[in-house]
Amino acid sequence: MRVRMNTNPRVEGWSNEFNTSSLNEIIVYYDDGDASSEYFQDVNVLLSNGVWTGLKEALGLHLVIPNNYNTHFREPVNEVERDRGWYD
């Protein structure tokens, strides 16, 4: 998913994986080739409807859901996944 930092929206990158060595963090791969671990509350995600939303909020509303191993995340592909709150 396309992500950007809350504090500086010009800093963008890609992410779809949780940092499994830490709580409430994802691994972000920046456009400049760098990568780092960032807290949920510090990152916005670009949803398929074109709206930037805070990752923490998107996870809470099931706009973004984790896989059943809690290692990766993405938007749900249907209402069943969204209602369930995770994907296979």
N, C-alpha and C. Protein backbone atom coordinates (compact mmCIF):
# COMPACT_ATOMS: atom_id res chain seq x y z
N MET A 1 0.84 -1.18 0.00
CA MET A 1 0.00 0.00 0.00
C MET A 1 0.88 1.24 0.00
N ARG A 2 0.40 2.27 -0.60
CA ARG A 2 1.09 3.56 -0.61
C ARG A 2 0.93 4.18 0.78
N VAL A 3 2.02 4.65 1.35
CA VAL A 3 1.99 5.28 2.68
C VAL A 3 2.73 6.61 2.64
N ARG A 4 2.41 7.47 3.60
CA ARG A 4 3.13 8.72 3.78
C ARG A 4 3.16 9.05 5.26
N MET A 5 4.12 9.87 5.62
CA MET A 5 4.28 10.25 7.02
C MET A 5 3.31 11.37 7.39
N ASN A 6 2.76 11.32 8.59
CA ASN A 6 1.85 12.37 9.07
C ASN A 6 2.56 13.71 9.19
N THR A 7 3.77 13.69 9.72
CA THR A 7 4.48 14.94 10.00
C THR A 7 5.00 15.62 8.75
N ASN A 8 5.27 14.84 7.69
CA ASN A 8 5.76 15.40 6.44
C ASN A 8 5.16 14.60 5.28
N PRO A 9 3.99 15.02 4.78
CA PRO A 9 3.30 14.24 3.74
C PRO A 9 4.08 14.07 2.44
N ARG A 10 5.16 14.84 2.26
CA ARG A 10 5.98 14.67 1.05
C ARG A 10 6.86 13.42 1.13
N VAL A 11 7.01 12.87 2.32
CA VAL A 11 7.80 11.64 2.51
C VAL A 11 6.86 10.45 2.32
N GLU A 12 7.00 9.79 1.17
CA GLU A 12 6.12 8.68 0.83
C GLU A 12 6.90 7.40 0.59
N GLY A 13 6.18 6.30 0.64
CA GLY A 13 6.78 5.00 0.39
C GLY A 13 5.71 3.95 0.24
N TRP A 14 6.12 2.69 0.46
CA TRP A 14 5.23 1.54 0.32
C TRP A 14 5.35 0.66 1.55
N SER A 15 4.25 0.02 1.92
CA SER A 15 4.29 -0.93 3.02
C SER A 15 3.10 -1.87 2.93
N ASN A 16 3.31 -3.07 3.37
CA ASN A 16 2.23 -4.03 3.53
C ASN A 16 2.59 -5.05 4.62
N GLU A 17 3.59 -4.71 5.44
CA GLU A 17 4.01 -5.68 6.45
C GLU A 17 4.24 -5.04 7.81
N PHE A 18 3.83 -5.79 8.83
CA PHE A 18 4.06 -5.38 10.20
C PHE A 18 5.50 -5.69 10.59
N ASN A 19 6.02 -4.92 11.52
CA ASN A 19 7.31 -5.24 12.12
C ASN A 19 7.02 -6.27 13.21
N THR A 20 7.33 -7.52 12.95
CA THR A 20 6.99 -8.60 13.88
C THR A 20 7.91 -8.63 15.10
N SER A 21 8.92 -7.76 15.12
CA SER A 21 9.81 -7.68 16.28
C SER A 21 9.42 -6.57 17.23
N SER A 22 8.34 -5.86 16.92
CA SER A 22 7.94 -4.71 17.71
C SER A 22 6.42 -4.58 17.67
N LEU A 23 5.86 -3.90 18.65
CA LEU A 23 4.42 -3.70 18.69
C LEU A 23 4.04 -2.39 18.00
N ASN A 24 2.91 -2.41 17.30
CA ASN A 24 2.35 -1.22 16.68
C ASN A 24 3.27 -0.53 15.69
N GLU A 25 4.06 -1.30 14.96
CA GLU A 25 4.94 -0.73 13.95
C GLU A 25 4.83 -1.50 12.64
N ILE A 26 5.08 -0.77 11.54
CA ILE A 26 5.14 -1.38 10.22
C ILE A 26 6.50 -1.07 9.61
N ILE A 27 6.88 -1.84 8.62
CA ILE A 27 8.12 -1.56 7.89
C ILE A 27 7.75 -0.77 6.64
N VAL A 28 8.35 0.41 6.51
CA VAL A 28 8.08 1.29 5.38
C VAL A 28 9.31 1.31 4.47
N TYR A 29 9.06 1.09 3.18
CA TYR A 29 10.10 1.18 2.16
C TYR A 29 9.88 2.50 1.42
N TYR A 30 10.79 3.46 1.65
CA TYR A 30 10.64 4.81 1.10
C TYR A 30 11.02 4.86 -0.37
N ASP A 31 10.50 5.87 -1.04
CA ASP A 31 10.78 6.05 -2.46
C ASP A 31 12.26 6.29 -2.75
N ASP A 32 13.00 6.82 -1.76
CA ASP A 32 14.42 7.10 -1.98
C ASP A 32 15.29 5.86 -1.79
N GLY A 33 14.68 4.70 -1.52
CA GLY A 33 15.44 3.46 -1.37
C GLY A 33 15.71 3.07 0.06
N ASP A 34 15.44 3.94 1.00
CA ASP A 34 15.66 3.66 2.42
C ASP A 34 14.46 2.88 2.97
N ALA A 35 14.60 2.31 4.15
CA ALA A 35 13.52 1.61 4.83
C ALA A 35 13.65 1.84 6.33
N SER A 36 12.52 1.85 7.02
CA SER A 36 12.55 1.98 8.47
C SER A 36 11.25 1.44 9.06
N SER A 37 11.25 1.29 10.35
CA SER A 37 10.08 0.86 11.08
C SER A 37 9.38 2.10 11.63
N GLU A 38 8.08 2.21 11.40
CA GLU A 38 7.31 3.38 11.82
C GLU A 38 6.09 2.96 12.62
N TYR A 39 5.72 3.78 13.60
CA TYR A 39 4.51 3.51 14.39
C TYR A 39 3.26 3.72 13.56
N PHE A 40 2.21 2.94 13.85
CA PHE A 40 0.94 3.07 13.15
C PHE A 40 0.45 4.51 13.11
N GLN A 41 0.49 5.17 14.27
CA GLN A 41 -0.08 6.51 14.38
C GLN A 41 0.70 7.56 13.60
N ASP A 42 1.88 7.24 13.12
CA ASP A 42 2.71 8.19 12.37
C ASP A 42 2.55 8.08 10.86
N VAL A 43 1.68 7.15 10.41
CA VAL A 43 1.60 6.83 8.98
C VAL A 43 0.15 6.94 8.48
N ASN A 44 -0.01 7.49 7.29
CA ASN A 44 -1.28 7.48 6.56
C ASN A 44 -1.15 6.49 5.42
N VAL A 45 -2.28 5.85 5.06
CA VAL A 45 -2.30 4.94 3.92
C VAL A 45 -3.26 5.48 2.87
N LEU A 46 -2.95 5.22 1.62
CA LEU A 46 -3.82 5.62 0.52
C LEU A 46 -4.74 4.46 0.19
N LEU A 47 -6.03 4.67 0.44
CA LEU A 47 -7.02 3.63 0.17
C LEU A 47 -7.39 3.63 -1.31
N SER A 48 -8.02 2.57 -1.76
CA SER A 48 -8.36 2.43 -3.18
C SER A 48 -9.36 3.48 -3.65
N ASN A 49 -10.07 4.11 -2.71
CA ASN A 49 -11.01 5.18 -3.10
C ASN A 49 -10.30 6.52 -3.26
N GLY A 50 -8.97 6.54 -3.10
CA GLY A 50 -8.19 7.76 -3.29
C GLY A 50 -8.06 8.65 -2.07
N VAL A 51 -8.49 8.18 -0.92
CA VAL A 51 -8.46 8.96 0.31
C VAL A 51 -7.31 8.50 1.20
N TRP A 52 -6.53 9.49 1.69
CA TRP A 52 -5.48 9.19 2.67
C TRP A 52 -6.14 9.07 4.04
N THR A 53 -5.83 8.01 4.77
CA THR A 53 -6.41 7.75 6.08
C THR A 53 -5.31 7.29 7.02
N GLY A 54 -5.41 7.68 8.28
CA GLY A 54 -4.45 7.21 9.27
C GLY A 54 -4.49 5.70 9.38
N LEU A 55 -3.34 5.06 9.41
CA LEU A 55 -3.29 3.60 9.46
C LEU A 55 -3.97 3.06 10.71
N LYS A 56 -3.76 3.69 11.84
CA LYS A 56 -4.37 3.21 13.08
C LYS A 56 -5.90 3.24 12.97
N GLU A 57 -6.43 4.31 12.43
CA GLU A 57 -7.88 4.43 12.23
C GLU A 57 -8.37 3.41 11.21
N ALA A 58 -7.64 3.24 10.11
CA ALA A 58 -8.03 2.30 9.06
C ALA A 58 -8.07 0.87 9.58
N LEU A 59 -7.12 0.51 10.43
CA LEU A 59 -7.14 -0.83 11.03
C LEU A 59 -8.34 -0.99 11.96
N GLY A 60 -8.63 0.04 12.74
CA GLY A 60 -9.76 -0.02 13.67
C GLY A 60 -11.11 -0.14 12.98
N LEU A 61 -11.24 0.46 11.80
CA LEU A 61 -12.50 0.43 11.05
C LEU A 61 -12.55 -0.71 10.04
N HIS A 62 -11.53 -1.53 10.00
CA HIS A 62 -11.40 -2.65 9.05
C HIS A 62 -11.37 -2.17 7.60
N LEU A 63 -10.87 -0.94 7.38
CA LEU A 63 -10.61 -0.47 6.02
C LEU A 63 -9.32 -1.09 5.52
N VAL A 64 -8.47 -1.46 6.45
CA VAL A 64 -7.24 -2.21 6.22
C VAL A 64 -7.26 -3.35 7.22
N ILE A 65 -6.94 -4.56 6.76
CA ILE A 65 -7.00 -5.73 7.65
C ILE A 65 -5.69 -6.52 7.58
N PRO A 66 -5.35 -7.20 8.68
CA PRO A 66 -4.15 -8.05 8.68
C PRO A 66 -4.46 -9.43 8.12
N ASN A 67 -3.39 -10.15 7.76
CA ASN A 67 -3.60 -11.55 7.41
C ASN A 67 -3.75 -12.34 8.71
N ASN A 68 -4.08 -13.62 8.59
CA ASN A 68 -4.34 -14.41 9.80
C ASN A 68 -3.08 -14.73 10.60
N TYR A 69 -1.89 -14.36 10.10
CA TYR A 69 -0.65 -14.52 10.85
C TYR A 69 -0.18 -13.20 11.46
N ASN A 70 -0.89 -12.11 11.19
CA ASN A 70 -0.52 -10.77 11.65
C ASN A 70 0.88 -10.38 11.21
N THR A 71 1.22 -10.72 9.96
CA THR A 71 2.51 -10.33 9.42
C THR A 71 2.38 -9.30 8.30
N HIS A 72 1.24 -9.30 7.60
CA HIS A 72 1.00 -8.40 6.47
C HIS A 72 -0.39 -7.79 6.58
N PHE A 73 -0.63 -6.74 5.81
CA PHE A 73 -1.94 -6.10 5.80
C PHE A 73 -2.27 -5.60 4.40
N ARG A 74 -3.55 -5.40 4.17
CA ARG A 74 -4.05 -4.86 2.90
C ARG A 74 -5.51 -4.48 3.09
N GLU A 75 -6.09 -3.89 2.04
CA GLU A 75 -7.52 -3.61 2.07
C GLU A 75 -8.29 -4.91 1.87
N PRO A 76 -9.46 -5.04 2.50
CA PRO A 76 -10.27 -6.23 2.26
C PRO A 76 -10.78 -6.24 0.82
N VAL A 77 -10.88 -7.42 0.23
CA VAL A 77 -11.35 -7.52 -1.16
C VAL A 77 -12.86 -7.67 -1.25
N ASN A 78 -13.52 -7.99 -0.12
CA ASN A 78 -14.98 -8.11 -0.11
C ASN A 78 -15.50 -7.87 1.31
N GLU A 79 -16.81 -7.83 1.43
CA GLU A 79 -17.44 -7.56 2.73
C GLU A 79 -17.21 -8.68 3.74
N VAL A 80 -17.08 -9.91 3.27
CA VAL A 80 -16.83 -11.04 4.18
C VAL A 80 -15.51 -10.82 4.91
N GLU A 81 -14.46 -10.47 4.16
CA GLU A 81 -13.16 -10.19 4.80
C GLU A 81 -13.26 -9.01 5.74
N ARG A 82 -13.93 -7.96 5.30
CA ARG A 82 -14.04 -6.77 6.14
C ARG A 82 -14.77 -7.08 7.45
N ASP A 83 -15.88 -7.82 7.37
CA ASP A 83 -16.62 -8.18 8.58
C ASP A 83 -15.80 -9.09 9.49
N ARG A 84 -15.07 -10.02 8.89
CA ARG A 84 -14.24 -10.96 9.65
C ARG A 84 -13.06 -10.24 10.30
N GLY A 85 -12.48 -9.26 9.58
CA GLY A 85 -11.38 -8.48 10.13
C GLY A 85 -10.00 -9.01 9.84
N TRP A 86 -9.87 -10.01 8.99
CA TRP A 86 -8.58 -10.57 8.60
C TRP A 86 -8.76 -11.33 7.29
N TYR A 87 -7.62 -11.68 6.65
CA TYR A 87 -7.68 -12.45 5.42
C TYR A 87 -6.72 -13.63 5.50
N ASP A 88 -6.93 -14.62 4.63
CA ASP A 88 -6.08 -15.82 4.60
C ASP A 88 -4.77 -15.55 3.92
